[in-house]
Amino acid sequence: MTYLVYQIIHFGYIVIRMDEYVEAAAGALRAAQARARMTDIALAETSGIPVVTLRRYLKGTRDTPVSALFKIADALGVSAGALLDDASNHVKND
């Protein structure tokens, strides 16, 4: 048993598949975008992220790097932590 597996079992951490988290994070981004009533183009311009790349994050076809997450969160007027909490809660509830 590896140390990481021991830590996961010992401390009761739940291991999730990364694709589930990416999908949940994309859902949290889309929900925040809808609440902010911003189009993809407006969000791309405000965050400084190319619209094609932003759409990949929003669809969950590309993992959102932390640096991009902070830019998007700032553009939406929310905290990156709140977006991650939303995504994490969604994965835990599934």
N, C-alpha and C. Protein backbone atom coordinates (compact mmCIF):
# COMPACT_ATOMS: atom_id res chain seq x y z
N MET A 1 0.85 -1.17 0.00
CA MET A 1 0.00 0.00 0.00
C MET A 1 0.90 1.24 0.00
N THR A 2 0.62 2.15 -0.90
CA THR A 2 1.42 3.38 -0.95
C THR A 2 1.02 4.31 0.18
N TYR A 3 1.88 5.26 0.45
CA TYR A 3 1.61 6.24 1.50
C TYR A 3 0.35 7.03 1.17
N LEU A 4 0.19 7.42 -0.10
CA LEU A 4 -0.99 8.21 -0.49
C LEU A 4 -2.27 7.41 -0.27
N VAL A 5 -2.27 6.15 -0.66
CA VAL A 5 -3.46 5.31 -0.46
C VAL A 5 -3.73 5.17 1.04
N TYR A 6 -2.68 5.00 1.82
CA TYR A 6 -2.84 4.91 3.28
C TYR A 6 -3.48 6.19 3.81
N GLN A 7 -2.98 7.34 3.36
CA GLN A 7 -3.52 8.61 3.83
C GLN A 7 -4.98 8.76 3.43
N ILE A 8 -5.31 8.34 2.23
CA ILE A 8 -6.69 8.44 1.76
C ILE A 8 -7.60 7.57 2.63
N ILE A 9 -7.18 6.36 2.89
CA ILE A 9 -7.99 5.46 3.71
C ILE A 9 -8.00 5.92 5.16
N HIS A 10 -6.84 6.26 5.68
CA HIS A 10 -6.72 6.64 7.09
C HIS A 10 -7.52 7.89 7.42
N PHE A 11 -7.47 8.88 6.59
CA PHE A 11 -8.16 10.14 6.87
C PHE A 11 -9.55 10.22 6.24
N GLY A 12 -9.96 9.18 5.54
CA GLY A 12 -11.31 9.14 5.00
C GLY A 12 -11.54 10.05 3.81
N TYR A 13 -10.49 10.41 3.11
CA TYR A 13 -10.66 11.26 1.94
C TYR A 13 -11.40 10.49 0.84
N ILE A 14 -12.23 11.19 0.13
CA ILE A 14 -12.94 10.59 -0.99
C ILE A 14 -12.19 10.94 -2.26
N VAL A 15 -11.83 9.93 -3.01
CA VAL A 15 -11.15 10.15 -4.27
C VAL A 15 -12.19 10.17 -5.37
N ILE A 16 -12.17 11.20 -6.16
CA ILE A 16 -13.13 11.31 -7.25
C ILE A 16 -12.38 11.27 -8.57
N ARG A 17 -13.08 10.89 -9.58
CA ARG A 17 -12.46 10.91 -10.90
C ARG A 17 -12.35 12.36 -11.35
N MET A 18 -11.23 12.69 -11.95
CA MET A 18 -10.97 14.06 -12.34
C MET A 18 -12.00 14.58 -13.34
N ASP A 19 -12.46 13.72 -14.25
CA ASP A 19 -13.43 14.20 -15.24
C ASP A 19 -14.74 14.61 -14.57
N GLU A 20 -15.12 13.98 -13.48
CA GLU A 20 -16.32 14.40 -12.76
C GLU A 20 -16.14 15.79 -12.17
N TYR A 21 -14.96 16.05 -11.64
CA TYR A 21 -14.69 17.36 -11.05
C TYR A 21 -14.63 18.44 -12.12
N VAL A 22 -14.01 18.13 -13.25
CA VAL A 22 -13.94 19.09 -14.36
C VAL A 22 -15.35 19.44 -14.82
N GLU A 23 -16.19 18.44 -14.94
CA GLU A 23 -17.58 18.67 -15.35
C GLU A 23 -18.33 19.51 -14.31
N ALA A 24 -18.12 19.22 -13.04
CA ALA A 24 -18.77 19.98 -11.97
C ALA A 24 -18.27 21.42 -11.94
N ALA A 25 -16.96 21.59 -12.16
CA ALA A 25 -16.39 22.94 -12.18
C ALA A 25 -16.96 23.74 -13.36
N ALA A 26 -17.10 23.09 -14.50
CA ALA A 26 -17.69 23.75 -15.66
C ALA A 26 -19.12 24.17 -15.36
N GLY A 27 -19.86 23.31 -14.68
CA GLY A 27 -21.23 23.65 -14.30
C GLY A 27 -21.28 24.84 -13.36
N ALA A 28 -20.34 24.89 -12.41
CA ALA A 28 -20.27 26.03 -11.48
C ALA A 28 -19.94 27.31 -12.23
N LEU A 29 -19.05 27.23 -13.21
CA LEU A 29 -18.71 28.40 -14.02
C LEU A 29 -19.92 28.87 -14.82
N ARG A 30 -20.64 27.92 -15.44
CA ARG A 30 -21.83 28.30 -16.23
C ARG A 30 -22.91 28.92 -15.35
N ALA A 31 -23.10 28.38 -14.16
CA ALA A 31 -24.11 28.93 -13.25
C ALA A 31 -23.74 30.35 -12.83
N ALA A 32 -22.48 30.56 -12.49
CA ALA A 32 -22.03 31.91 -12.11
C ALA A 32 -22.15 32.88 -13.28
N GLN A 33 -21.86 32.39 -14.47
CA GLN A 33 -21.98 33.21 -15.67
C GLN A 33 -23.45 33.60 -15.88
N ALA A 34 -24.34 32.67 -15.70
CA ALA A 34 -25.77 32.95 -15.87
C ALA A 34 -26.25 33.97 -14.83
N ARG A 35 -25.80 33.80 -13.58
CA ARG A 35 -26.18 34.76 -12.53
C ARG A 35 -25.67 36.16 -12.85
N ALA A 36 -24.48 36.23 -13.45
CA ALA A 36 -23.89 37.53 -13.81
C ALA A 36 -24.48 38.08 -15.11
N ARG A 37 -25.25 37.25 -15.80
CA ARG A 37 -25.87 37.63 -17.07
C ARG A 37 -24.83 38.14 -18.08
N MET A 38 -23.76 37.35 -18.21
CA MET A 38 -22.69 37.71 -19.14
C MET A 38 -22.66 36.70 -20.28
N THR A 39 -22.48 37.20 -21.47
CA THR A 39 -22.30 36.32 -22.62
C THR A 39 -20.89 35.75 -22.59
N ASP A 40 -20.68 34.73 -23.39
CA ASP A 40 -19.33 34.16 -23.51
C ASP A 40 -18.34 35.22 -23.96
N ILE A 41 -18.75 36.02 -24.92
CA ILE A 41 -17.85 37.04 -25.47
C ILE A 41 -17.52 38.10 -24.42
N ALA A 42 -18.53 38.57 -23.69
CA ALA A 42 -18.29 39.58 -22.66
C ALA A 42 -17.39 39.02 -21.56
N LEU A 43 -17.63 37.76 -21.17
CA LEU A 43 -16.80 37.15 -20.13
C LEU A 43 -15.37 36.95 -20.61
N ALA A 44 -15.21 36.57 -21.86
CA ALA A 44 -13.87 36.40 -22.43
C ALA A 44 -13.13 37.73 -22.44
N GLU A 45 -13.80 38.78 -22.87
CA GLU A 45 -13.16 40.09 -22.92
C GLU A 45 -12.80 40.59 -21.53
N THR A 46 -13.71 40.43 -20.59
CA THR A 46 -13.48 40.92 -19.23
C THR A 46 -12.38 40.13 -18.51
N SER A 47 -12.34 38.83 -18.76
CA SER A 47 -11.35 37.99 -18.09
C SER A 47 -10.00 37.96 -18.81
N GLY A 48 -10.00 38.35 -20.07
CA GLY A 48 -8.76 38.31 -20.84
C GLY A 48 -8.41 36.92 -21.36
N ILE A 49 -9.41 36.05 -21.40
CA ILE A 49 -9.21 34.69 -21.88
C ILE A 49 -9.84 34.58 -23.27
N PRO A 50 -9.14 34.01 -24.24
CA PRO A 50 -9.73 33.87 -25.57
C PRO A 50 -11.07 33.13 -25.50
N VAL A 51 -12.03 33.60 -26.27
CA VAL A 51 -13.38 33.05 -26.21
C VAL A 51 -13.42 31.55 -26.51
N VAL A 52 -12.60 31.08 -27.44
CA VAL A 52 -12.57 29.65 -27.77
C VAL A 52 -12.12 28.85 -26.54
N THR A 53 -11.11 29.32 -25.86
CA THR A 53 -10.61 28.65 -24.67
C THR A 53 -11.65 28.70 -23.55
N LEU A 54 -12.25 29.86 -23.34
CA LEU A 54 -13.28 30.01 -22.32
C LEU A 54 -14.42 29.03 -22.55
N ARG A 55 -14.86 28.89 -23.79
CA ARG A 55 -15.95 27.97 -24.09
C ARG A 55 -15.57 26.53 -23.78
N ARG A 56 -14.32 26.18 -23.95
CA ARG A 56 -13.87 24.83 -23.59
C ARG A 56 -13.95 24.62 -22.08
N TYR A 57 -13.61 25.65 -21.30
CA TYR A 57 -13.74 25.57 -19.85
C TYR A 57 -15.21 25.43 -19.47
N LEU A 58 -16.06 26.23 -20.09
CA LEU A 58 -17.49 26.21 -19.77
C LEU A 58 -18.17 24.90 -20.16
N LYS A 59 -17.68 24.26 -21.20
CA LYS A 59 -18.24 22.97 -21.63
C LYS A 59 -17.65 21.80 -20.85
N GLY A 60 -16.54 22.03 -20.19
CA GLY A 60 -15.87 20.95 -19.46
C GLY A 60 -15.02 20.06 -20.33
N THR A 61 -14.72 20.53 -21.54
CA THR A 61 -13.86 19.74 -22.42
C THR A 61 -12.39 20.03 -22.17
N ARG A 62 -12.13 21.02 -21.34
CA ARG A 62 -10.75 21.36 -20.96
C ARG A 62 -10.74 21.76 -19.50
N ASP A 63 -9.80 21.24 -18.76
CA ASP A 63 -9.65 21.58 -17.35
C ASP A 63 -9.28 23.05 -17.23
N THR A 64 -9.85 23.75 -16.27
CA THR A 64 -9.58 25.17 -16.08
C THR A 64 -8.40 25.34 -15.14
N PRO A 65 -7.29 25.91 -15.62
CA PRO A 65 -6.14 26.14 -14.73
C PRO A 65 -6.50 27.17 -13.66
N VAL A 66 -5.81 27.10 -12.55
CA VAL A 66 -6.10 28.00 -11.43
C VAL A 66 -5.98 29.46 -11.86
N SER A 67 -4.98 29.78 -12.67
CA SER A 67 -4.81 31.17 -13.10
C SER A 67 -6.03 31.66 -13.88
N ALA A 68 -6.57 30.81 -14.73
CA ALA A 68 -7.77 31.17 -15.50
C ALA A 68 -8.99 31.23 -14.60
N LEU A 69 -9.07 30.33 -13.64
CA LEU A 69 -10.21 30.32 -12.72
C LEU A 69 -10.29 31.64 -11.95
N PHE A 70 -9.15 32.14 -11.50
CA PHE A 70 -9.14 33.41 -10.79
C PHE A 70 -9.56 34.57 -11.70
N LYS A 71 -9.12 34.56 -12.94
CA LYS A 71 -9.51 35.61 -13.88
C LYS A 71 -11.01 35.57 -14.16
N ILE A 72 -11.54 34.38 -14.36
CA ILE A 72 -12.97 34.23 -14.63
C ILE A 72 -13.79 34.63 -13.41
N ALA A 73 -13.37 34.16 -12.25
CA ALA A 73 -14.09 34.50 -11.02
C ALA A 73 -14.12 36.00 -10.81
N ASP A 74 -12.98 36.65 -11.01
CA ASP A 74 -12.91 38.11 -10.86
C ASP A 74 -13.84 38.80 -11.84
N ALA A 75 -13.85 38.34 -13.08
CA ALA A 75 -14.72 38.93 -14.10
C ALA A 75 -16.20 38.75 -13.75
N LEU A 76 -16.51 37.65 -13.06
CA LEU A 76 -17.91 37.37 -12.68
C LEU A 76 -18.29 38.00 -11.35
N GLY A 77 -17.30 38.53 -10.64
CA GLY A 77 -17.58 39.15 -9.35
C GLY A 77 -17.82 38.14 -8.23
N VAL A 78 -17.22 36.97 -8.35
CA VAL A 78 -17.33 35.93 -7.32
C VAL A 78 -15.92 35.49 -6.94
N SER A 79 -15.82 34.74 -5.87
CA SER A 79 -14.50 34.24 -5.49
C SER A 79 -14.26 32.89 -6.15
N ALA A 80 -13.00 32.64 -6.43
CA ALA A 80 -12.63 31.34 -7.00
C ALA A 80 -12.97 30.23 -6.01
N GLY A 81 -12.82 30.51 -4.74
CA GLY A 81 -13.16 29.53 -3.71
C GLY A 81 -14.62 29.14 -3.73
N ALA A 82 -15.49 30.13 -3.96
CA ALA A 82 -16.93 29.84 -4.03
C ALA A 82 -17.23 28.94 -5.23
N LEU A 83 -16.57 29.19 -6.35
CA LEU A 83 -16.77 28.34 -7.53
C LEU A 83 -16.30 26.91 -7.25
N LEU A 84 -15.15 26.78 -6.60
CA LEU A 84 -14.63 25.45 -6.27
C LEU A 84 -15.52 24.74 -5.26
N ASP A 85 -16.04 25.50 -4.29
CA ASP A 85 -16.97 24.91 -3.32
C ASP A 85 -18.23 24.39 -4.00
N ASP A 86 -18.77 25.18 -4.92
CA ASP A 86 -19.95 24.75 -5.68
C ASP A 86 -19.67 23.46 -6.43
N ALA A 87 -18.53 23.41 -7.09
CA ALA A 87 -18.17 22.22 -7.85
C ALA A 87 -17.98 21.02 -6.94
N SER A 88 -17.29 21.23 -5.84
CA SER A 88 -17.04 20.15 -4.89
C SER A 88 -18.34 19.63 -4.29
N ASN A 89 -19.23 20.51 -3.94
CA ASN A 89 -20.52 20.09 -3.39
C ASN A 89 -21.33 19.31 -4.40
N HIS A 90 -21.25 19.70 -5.65
CA HIS A 90 -21.98 18.98 -6.70
C HIS A 90 -21.44 17.56 -6.85
N VAL A 91 -20.14 17.40 -6.82
CA VAL A 91 -19.54 16.07 -6.97
C VAL A 91 -19.89 15.21 -5.77
N LYS A 92 -19.86 15.77 -4.56
CA LYS A 92 -20.17 15.00 -3.36
C LYS A 92 -21.63 14.54 -3.34
N ASN A 93 -22.52 15.35 -3.94
CA ASN A 93 -23.94 15.02 -3.92
C ASN A 93 -24.34 14.02 -4.98
N ASP A 94 -23.47 13.77 -5.93
CA ASP A 94 -23.81 12.80 -7.00
C ASP A 94 -23.58 11.38 -6.56
